[in-house]
């Protein structure tokens, strides 16, 4: 009897829920259709270019396009001794075609990433391939350049027989592929990329800490100030956002340079007898970035603070809590969602900074984005630039997911 009553009681609720879902379905469809243009725009202008760019980090078309016959001959090669005559014949034929198509330089540039002498070997043999005489080619090729009698040269070509390669991604984390095909850590002054990534994370952390130390009390003062004063202070917070990033960075160059305003004030107040080196330093980089990122930390904290009832502090005080204890134990915990959102936003934005470290920082203050720009604009090495971007993206997503796991997505509020 009880089961029947329960079933009869729940059936109408299920029917009502189903009816509500059917009634809301047209509204959901219309809302989705309204959002479709924006979603399509983001996919075409944001998602697709990033996906194509990240694919560059594993793309490896050069060797297969220029040396197809050579790679075919090396398929069964064991890599222990110099290949047979057929491989030299195939190499000569491929380079002859590359000479006519003007693609040898592209091949040499790609292989030169893995070994500094490969470009000269490829170009030297390409220029001489037309002078090769009928007969065995192996002795003639090795006479032109003895490097072709070295197994290492052929191994480099052999391991690039695929259209994808882990080379760029491995290099971006200071790893390399040995001649035998194993992976090992790069030694000496060649191991630079992990140091660059660590420097990027450290600078972003310093900037986040600086904006929190300055932004939290500023947000609190704005939240308790009278409406007119709060509006003026809010205007001062938002004003930097209405100014170009390049203009703000240039202003800091004027302030931090050796004969700049800061040094003049310090010497005028007799706080220092010598001019300080503030420009092209870590201090200058962090200071300029902190100023630029400050609004992004203040705004989420301020939004949360405005939602906290001021009577809570008065109630705590009336119950005997000291002023600091009431603020720290009653008020501050409620601001954590805003603090979490502001710090997370500032940290992630700081990871991708380019203009400010480039203009204000020194050689030891350049971040990952500066090296990505260098590989694109100067070296034209899109693979390495894409690999660094991919590593930075993975690190950023990892930090974001870890942050969500520790703090909780429901506690992060942007406004």
Protein backbone atom coordinates (compact mmCIF):
# COMPACT_ATOMS: atom_id res chain seq x y z
CA UNK A 1 0.00 0.00 0.00
CA UNK A 2 2.78 2.38 0.93
CA UNK A 3 4.65 1.69 -2.33
CA UNK A 4 1.53 2.35 -4.37
CA UNK A 5 0.90 5.60 -2.57
CA UNK A 6 4.49 6.65 -3.12
CA UNK A 7 4.30 5.79 -6.82
CA UNK A 8 1.05 7.65 -7.27
CA UNK A 9 2.49 10.63 -5.45
CA UNK A 10 5.62 10.77 -7.59
CA UNK A 11 4.03 10.24 -10.98
CA UNK A 12 2.40 13.67 -11.17
CA UNK A 13 5.71 15.32 -10.23
CA UNK A 14 7.50 13.46 -13.02
CA UNK A 15 4.82 14.41 -15.48
CA UNK A 16 4.98 18.04 -14.42
CA UNK A 17 8.76 18.06 -14.72
CA UNK A 18 8.57 16.54 -18.20
CA UNK A 19 5.96 19.10 -19.22
CA UNK A 20 8.12 21.94 -17.92
CA UNK A 21 11.13 20.66 -19.84
CA UNK A 22 9.07 20.45 -23.02
CA UNK A 23 7.76 23.98 -22.46
CA UNK A 24 11.26 25.37 -21.85
CA UNK A 25 12.80 23.59 -24.84
CA UNK A 26 11.89 26.31 -27.40
CA UNK A 27 13.39 28.96 -25.11
CA UNK A 28 16.60 26.98 -24.76
CA UNK A 29 16.78 26.48 -28.52
CA UNK A 30 16.25 30.21 -29.14
CA UNK A 31 18.92 31.08 -26.55
CA UNK A 32 21.36 28.67 -28.18
CA UNK A 33 20.64 30.09 -31.65
CA UNK A 34 21.21 33.61 -30.34
CA UNK A 35 24.57 32.53 -28.91
CA UNK A 36 25.60 30.67 -32.07
CA UNK A 37 27.08 33.72 -33.91
CA UNK A 38 29.29 34.55 -30.93
CA UNK A 39 30.35 30.91 -30.53
CA UNK A 40 31.11 30.61 -34.24
CA UNK A 41 33.07 33.87 -34.15
CA UNK A 42 35.18 32.65 -31.21
CA UNK A 43 35.78 29.30 -32.90
CA UNK A 44 36.87 30.85 -36.20
CA UNK A 45 38.93 33.76 -34.87
CA UNK A 46 40.26 32.28 -31.62
CA UNK A 47 40.00 28.51 -31.33
CA UNK A 48 40.98 27.52 -34.86
CA UNK A 49 44.09 29.78 -35.12
CA UNK A 50 45.33 28.55 -31.74
CA UNK A 51 44.79 24.95 -32.79
CA UNK A 52 46.68 25.48 -36.06
CA UNK A 53 49.49 27.28 -34.26
CA UNK A 54 49.83 24.53 -31.65
CA UNK A 55 49.95 21.91 -34.42
CA UNK A 56 53.11 23.66 -35.61
CA UNK A 57 54.81 22.39 -32.43
CA UNK A 58 54.77 18.83 -33.82
CA UNK A 59 54.62 19.46 -37.58
CA UNK A 60 57.61 18.15 -39.51
CA UNK A 61 57.00 18.25 -43.29
CA UNK A 62 60.39 19.44 -44.57
CA UNK A 63 62.39 16.21 -44.66
CA UNK A 64 59.62 14.10 -46.15
CA UNK A 65 58.91 16.73 -48.80
CA UNK A 66 62.55 17.16 -49.91
CA UNK A 67 64.08 13.70 -49.33
CA UNK A 68 61.34 11.16 -50.14
CA UNK A 69 63.62 8.74 -52.01
CA UNK A 70 66.30 8.89 -49.33
CA UNK A 71 63.83 8.15 -46.53
CA UNK A 72 62.44 5.23 -48.53
CA UNK A 73 65.94 3.74 -48.82
CA UNK A 74 66.58 4.25 -45.09
CA UNK A 75 63.44 2.38 -43.98
CA UNK A 76 65.29 -0.89 -43.49
CA UNK A 77 68.55 0.68 -42.34
CA UNK A 78 69.70 -0.44 -38.86
CA UNK A 79 71.54 2.82 -38.12
CA UNK A 80 74.76 1.09 -37.07
CA UNK A 81 76.85 1.59 -40.19
CA UNK A 82 76.85 4.04 -43.09
CA UNK A 83 74.03 3.15 -45.56
CA UNK A 84 74.67 1.31 -48.80
CA UNK A 85 75.18 2.87 -52.22
CA UNK A 86 71.43 3.03 -52.91
CA UNK A 87 70.98 5.59 -50.13
CA UNK A 88 73.65 7.86 -51.64
CA UNK A 89 72.02 7.56 -55.07
CA UNK A 90 68.63 8.45 -53.61
CA UNK A 91 70.16 11.39 -51.71
CA UNK A 92 71.78 12.73 -54.87
CA UNK A 93 68.51 12.44 -56.80
CA UNK A 94 66.54 14.16 -54.04
CA UNK A 95 69.04 17.02 -53.76
CA UNK A 96 69.12 17.43 -57.53
CA UNK A 97 65.35 17.95 -57.49
CA UNK A 98 65.66 20.19 -54.42
CA UNK A 99 68.21 22.31 -56.28
CA UNK A 100 65.80 22.81 -59.14
CA UNK A 101 62.88 23.55 -56.79
CA UNK A 102 65.00 25.75 -54.45
CA UNK A 103 63.93 23.73 -51.39
CA UNK A 104 67.36 22.63 -50.16
CA UNK A 105 67.68 25.67 -47.89
CA UNK A 106 64.39 24.80 -46.15
CA UNK A 107 65.65 21.26 -45.54
CA UNK A 108 69.01 22.49 -44.29
CA UNK A 109 67.39 24.97 -41.92
CA UNK A 110 65.16 22.29 -40.39
CA UNK A 111 67.93 19.75 -39.89
CA UNK A 112 70.25 22.45 -38.57
CA UNK A 113 67.99 22.76 -35.51
CA UNK A 114 69.10 19.28 -34.47
CA UNK A 115 72.75 19.57 -35.49
CA UNK A 116 74.52 22.84 -36.14
CA UNK A 117 76.42 21.54 -39.17
CA UNK A 118 73.56 20.02 -41.15
CA UNK A 119 72.67 23.12 -43.14
CA UNK A 120 76.20 23.52 -44.49
CA UNK A 121 76.36 19.82 -45.35
CA UNK A 122 73.06 19.93 -47.24
CA UNK A 123 73.90 23.13 -49.12
CA UNK A 124 77.45 22.05 -49.97
CA UNK A 125 76.30 18.74 -51.41
CA UNK A 126 73.39 20.41 -53.23
CA UNK A 127 75.75 22.82 -54.99
CA UNK A 128 78.03 19.93 -56.01
CA UNK A 129 75.42 17.35 -56.95
CA UNK A 130 75.40 18.38 -60.59
CA UNK A 131 79.14 17.63 -60.85
CA UNK A 132 78.83 14.01 -59.69
CA UNK A 133 80.16 11.54 -62.27
CA UNK A 134 78.62 8.23 -63.36
CA UNK A 135 79.65 5.36 -61.14
CA UNK A 136 79.56 4.72 -57.41
CA UNK A 137 78.34 7.88 -55.65
CA UNK A 138 79.25 7.05 -52.05
CA UNK A 139 82.99 7.77 -52.50
CA UNK A 140 82.25 10.96 -54.44
CA UNK A 141 79.79 12.28 -51.83
CA UNK A 142 82.11 11.55 -48.90
CA UNK A 143 84.97 13.19 -50.81
CA UNK A 144 82.88 16.36 -51.22
CA UNK A 145 82.05 16.33 -47.50
CA UNK A 146 83.45 13.65 -45.15
CA UNK A 147 80.52 14.23 -42.81
CA UNK A 148 78.41 11.96 -45.03
CA UNK A 149 80.64 9.08 -43.96
CA UNK A 150 79.49 9.69 -40.38
CA UNK A 151 76.57 7.55 -39.18
CA UNK A 152 75.32 10.49 -37.08
CA UNK A 153 74.43 12.52 -40.19
CA UNK A 154 72.27 9.74 -41.57
CA UNK A 155 70.62 9.09 -38.21
CA UNK A 156 69.42 12.68 -38.10
CA UNK A 157 67.72 12.23 -41.48
CA UNK A 158 66.33 8.82 -40.50
CA UNK A 159 64.62 10.03 -37.31
CA UNK A 160 62.78 12.75 -39.26
CA UNK A 161 60.94 10.31 -41.49
CA UNK A 162 57.54 11.23 -40.00
CA UNK A 163 55.30 14.24 -40.62
CA UNK A 164 55.18 14.82 -36.86
CA UNK A 165 58.10 15.17 -34.47
CA UNK A 166 58.58 15.53 -30.70
CA UNK A 167 61.73 17.60 -31.28
CA UNK A 168 60.26 21.05 -30.59
CA UNK A 169 58.31 20.02 -27.50
CA UNK A 170 61.29 18.15 -26.06
CA UNK A 171 63.56 21.12 -26.68
CA UNK A 172 61.05 23.41 -24.94
CA UNK A 173 61.55 21.40 -21.72
CA UNK A 174 65.34 21.06 -22.11
CA UNK A 175 65.30 17.51 -23.47
CA UNK A 176 66.94 16.17 -26.61
CA UNK A 177 67.00 13.04 -28.74
CA UNK A 178 70.37 11.28 -28.85
CA UNK A 179 71.87 9.68 -31.95
CA UNK A 180 70.64 6.31 -30.70
CA UNK A 181 67.08 7.64 -30.41
CA UNK A 182 66.88 7.88 -26.62
CA UNK A 183 65.82 11.01 -24.73
CA UNK A 184 68.20 12.80 -22.36
CA UNK A 185 68.36 16.11 -20.53
CA UNK A 186 70.27 18.93 -22.19
CA UNK A 187 73.42 19.85 -20.31
CA UNK A 188 75.29 23.11 -19.72
CA UNK A 189 74.28 26.46 -21.13
CA UNK A 190 71.89 24.83 -23.61
CA UNK A 191 69.39 24.07 -20.83
CA UNK A 192 67.62 27.43 -20.78
CA UNK A 193 63.92 26.89 -21.31
CA UNK A 194 63.02 25.49 -17.89
CA UNK A 195 64.85 28.44 -16.37
CA UNK A 196 62.82 30.79 -18.55
CA UNK A 197 59.58 29.09 -17.53
CA UNK A 198 60.55 29.24 -13.86
CA UNK A 199 61.41 32.92 -14.23
CA UNK A 200 58.04 33.58 -15.86
CA UNK A 201 56.18 31.86 -13.02
CA UNK A 202 58.25 33.70 -10.39
CA UNK A 203 57.65 37.14 -11.91
CA UNK A 204 53.93 36.40 -12.27
CA UNK A 205 53.80 35.32 -8.60
CA UNK A 206 55.61 38.50 -7.46
CA UNK A 207 53.23 40.66 -9.47
CA UNK A 208 50.21 38.81 -8.05
CA UNK A 209 51.49 39.26 -4.50
CA UNK A 210 52.19 42.94 -5.11
CA UNK A 211 48.74 43.62 -6.51
CA UNK A 212 47.13 41.78 -3.59
CA UNK A 213 49.11 43.75 -0.97
CA UNK A 214 48.19 47.04 -2.65
CA UNK A 215 44.75 46.10 -3.93
CA UNK A 216 43.11 44.59 -0.84
CA UNK A 217 43.33 47.71 1.38
CA UNK A 218 42.45 49.90 -1.60
CA UNK A 219 39.31 47.87 -2.29
CA UNK A 220 38.37 47.98 1.40
CA UNK A 221 38.74 51.76 1.59
CA UNK A 222 36.58 52.17 -1.53
CA UNK A 223 33.93 49.81 -0.15
CA UNK A 224 33.48 51.79 3.09
CA UNK A 225 33.98 55.30 1.66
CA UNK A 226 31.05 57.69 1.06
CA UNK A 227 29.46 57.39 -2.35
CA UNK A 228 31.08 60.54 -3.82
CA UNK A 229 34.56 59.70 -2.55
CA UNK A 230 34.15 56.07 -3.63
CA UNK A 231 33.22 57.20 -7.15
CA UNK A 232 36.36 59.34 -7.41
CA UNK A 233 38.58 56.54 -6.11
CA UNK A 234 36.90 54.07 -8.47
CA UNK A 235 37.64 56.42 -11.35
CA UNK A 236 41.31 56.47 -10.34
CA UNK A 237 41.35 52.66 -10.32
CA UNK A 238 39.75 52.39 -13.75
CA UNK A 239 41.75 55.20 -15.37
CA UNK A 240 44.80 53.02 -16.22
CA UNK A 241 42.51 50.64 -18.11
CA UNK A 242 41.57 53.48 -20.47
CA UNK A 243 45.20 54.09 -21.37
CA UNK A 244 47.24 52.05 -23.84
CA UNK A 245 49.50 49.41 -22.31
CA UNK A 246 52.38 50.75 -24.37
CA UNK A 247 51.80 54.28 -23.04
CA UNK A 248 51.75 53.07 -19.43
CA UNK A 249 54.93 51.07 -19.95
CA UNK A 250 56.65 54.03 -21.61
CA UNK A 251 55.68 56.17 -18.62
CA UNK A 252 57.48 53.75 -16.34
CA UNK A 253 60.59 54.02 -18.54
CA UNK A 254 60.54 57.77 -17.90
CA UNK A 255 60.11 57.22 -14.16
CA UNK A 256 62.71 54.47 -13.72
CA UNK A 257 65.56 55.63 -15.96
CA UNK A 258 68.84 56.74 -14.43
CA UNK A 259 67.97 60.44 -14.74
CA UNK A 260 64.27 59.78 -14.17
CA UNK A 261 61.87 61.27 -11.67
CA UNK A 262 62.29 58.54 -9.03
CA UNK A 263 66.07 58.94 -8.88
CA UNK A 264 65.75 62.71 -8.77
CA UNK A 265 63.27 62.53 -5.86
CA UNK A 266 65.44 60.05 -3.93
CA UNK A 267 68.54 62.19 -4.34
CA UNK A 268 66.57 65.38 -3.58
CA UNK A 269 65.41 63.86 -0.28
CA UNK A 270 68.99 62.68 0.42
CA UNK A 271 67.79 59.09 0.68
CA UNK A 272 70.57 58.01 -1.65
CA UNK A 273 73.82 59.59 -2.75
CA UNK A 274 74.09 57.75 -6.07
CA UNK A 275 71.58 57.19 -8.85
CA UNK A 276 70.00 53.75 -8.60
CA UNK A 277 69.78 51.31 -11.49
CA UNK A 278 66.01 50.87 -11.68
CA UNK A 279 65.44 50.45 -15.40
CA UNK A 280 66.28 47.12 -17.07
CA UNK A 281 66.01 45.31 -13.72
CA UNK A 282 63.71 42.76 -12.11
CA UNK A 283 62.48 45.46 -9.73
CA UNK A 284 61.44 47.71 -12.60
CA UNK A 285 59.69 44.86 -14.41
CA UNK A 286 57.69 43.75 -11.37
CA UNK A 287 56.83 47.34 -10.39
CA UNK A 288 55.53 48.27 -13.85
CA UNK A 289 53.57 45.04 -14.21
CA UNK A 290 52.08 45.45 -10.73
CA UNK A 291 50.83 48.91 -11.62
CA UNK A 292 49.29 47.67 -14.86
CA UNK A 293 47.64 44.61 -13.27
CA UNK A 294 46.38 46.36 -10.12
CA UNK A 295 42.82 47.06 -11.42
CA UNK A 296 42.33 43.39 -12.33
CA UNK A 297 42.95 42.43 -8.70
CA UNK A 298 41.01 45.28 -7.11
CA UNK A 299 37.75 44.95 -9.06
CA UNK A 300 36.80 41.35 -8.07
CA UNK A 301 37.77 42.00 -4.44
CA UNK A 302 35.74 45.22 -4.38
CA UNK A 303 32.70 43.50 -5.88
CA UNK A 304 32.72 40.91 -3.09
CA UNK A 305 33.39 43.49 -0.36
CA UNK A 306 30.36 45.53 -1.43
CA UNK A 307 28.15 42.48 -0.90
CA UNK A 308 29.29 42.03 2.74
CA UNK A 309 26.98 43.60 5.29
CA UNK A 310 28.91 46.21 7.33
CA UNK A 311 26.78 45.39 10.38
CA UNK A 312 28.65 42.12 10.78
CA UNK A 313 31.78 43.90 12.04
CA UNK A 314 29.74 46.01 14.44
CA UNK A 315 28.05 42.88 15.74
CA UNK A 316 31.40 41.19 16.30
CA UNK A 317 32.72 44.25 18.10
CA UNK A 318 29.61 44.41 20.29
CA UNK A 319 30.24 40.81 21.32
CA UNK A 320 33.68 41.74 22.61
CA UNK A 321 35.93 40.93 19.64
CA UNK A 322 38.90 43.31 19.14
CA UNK A 323 38.88 45.34 15.94
CA UNK A 324 41.63 43.35 14.23
CA UNK A 325 40.20 40.01 15.33
CA UNK A 326 36.73 40.98 14.09
CA UNK A 327 38.14 42.02 10.72
CA UNK A 328 40.39 38.99 10.32
CA UNK A 329 37.96 36.31 11.53
CA UNK A 330 34.62 37.70 10.36
CA UNK A 331 35.21 40.02 7.41
CA UNK A 332 38.36 38.72 5.67
CA UNK A 333 37.15 35.11 5.12
CA UNK A 334 34.13 36.42 3.22
CA UNK A 335 36.41 38.25 0.77
CA UNK A 336 38.24 35.06 -0.28
CA UNK A 337 36.11 34.49 -3.43
CA UNK A 338 37.08 37.95 -4.71
CA UNK A 339 40.71 37.53 -3.65
CA UNK A 340 40.85 34.16 -5.41
CA UNK A 341 39.35 35.55 -8.62
CA UNK A 342 41.55 38.66 -8.65
CA UNK A 343 44.77 36.77 -7.94
CA UNK A 344 43.99 34.06 -10.47
CA UNK A 345 43.20 36.61 -13.18
CA UNK A 346 46.33 38.64 -12.46
CA UNK A 347 48.59 35.59 -12.33
CA UNK A 348 47.35 34.14 -15.62
CA UNK A 349 47.52 37.50 -17.40
CA UNK A 350 51.04 38.09 -16.07
CA UNK A 351 52.26 34.79 -17.54
CA UNK A 352 51.74 36.14 -21.07
CA UNK A 353 53.28 39.60 -20.64
CA UNK A 354 55.49 40.75 -23.51
CA UNK A 355 55.73 44.56 -23.91
CA UNK A 356 56.52 45.49 -20.31
CA UNK A 357 59.40 43.00 -19.73
CA UNK A 358 60.77 43.80 -23.18
CA UNK A 359 60.94 47.56 -22.54
CA UNK A 360 61.52 47.79 -18.78
CA UNK A 361 63.30 44.51 -17.97
CA UNK A 362 66.85 43.43 -18.65
CA UNK A 363 68.11 40.28 -20.40
CA UNK A 364 67.52 38.21 -17.24
CA UNK A 365 63.94 39.46 -16.93
CA UNK A 366 62.57 38.33 -20.28
CA UNK A 367 59.62 35.96 -20.05
CA UNK A 368 58.40 33.11 -22.24
CA UNK A 369 56.38 35.43 -24.47
CA UNK A 370 59.53 37.36 -25.42
CA UNK A 371 61.20 34.19 -26.66
CA UNK A 372 58.08 33.18 -28.57
CA UNK A 373 58.14 36.56 -30.33
CA UNK A 374 61.86 36.17 -31.07
CA UNK A 375 61.39 32.76 -32.66
CA UNK A 376 58.55 34.10 -34.82
CA UNK A 377 59.91 37.49 -35.87
CA UNK A 378 63.66 36.95 -35.99
CA UNK A 379 64.40 33.22 -36.36
CA UNK A 380 61.24 32.31 -38.31
CA UNK A 381 61.20 29.10 -36.26
CA UNK A 382 57.45 28.58 -35.95
CA UNK A 383 57.86 25.09 -34.54
CA UNK A 384 59.88 26.25 -31.53
CA UNK A 385 57.57 29.23 -30.95
CA UNK A 386 54.53 26.95 -31.04
CA UNK A 387 56.19 24.48 -28.66
CA UNK A 388 56.89 27.20 -26.09
CA UNK A 389 53.32 28.44 -26.47
CA UNK A 390 52.01 24.90 -25.97
CA UNK A 391 54.09 24.42 -22.80
CA UNK A 392 52.91 27.79 -21.47
CA UNK A 393 49.29 26.85 -22.23
CA UNK A 394 49.65 23.50 -20.45
CA UNK A 395 51.25 25.16 -17.41
CA UNK A 396 48.51 27.81 -17.31
CA UNK A 397 45.72 25.24 -17.55
CA UNK A 398 47.43 23.09 -14.93
CA UNK A 399 47.66 25.99 -12.50
CA UNK A 400 44.05 26.92 -13.18
CA UNK A 401 42.79 23.38 -12.57
CA UNK A 402 44.90 23.04 -9.43
CA UNK A 403 43.54 26.35 -8.19
CA UNK A 404 39.99 25.22 -8.82
CA UNK A 405 40.64 21.97 -6.97
CA UNK A 406 42.11 23.73 -3.94
CA UNK A 407 39.75 26.70 -3.80
CA UNK A 408 36.64 25.46 -5.59
CA UNK A 409 35.00 26.99 -8.64
CA UNK A 410 31.95 28.01 -6.63
CA UNK A 411 34.09 30.25 -4.39
CA UNK A 412 35.60 32.27 -7.25
CA UNK A 413 33.56 35.36 -8.05
CA UNK A 414 34.46 37.97 -10.63
CA UNK A 415 31.70 40.32 -9.60
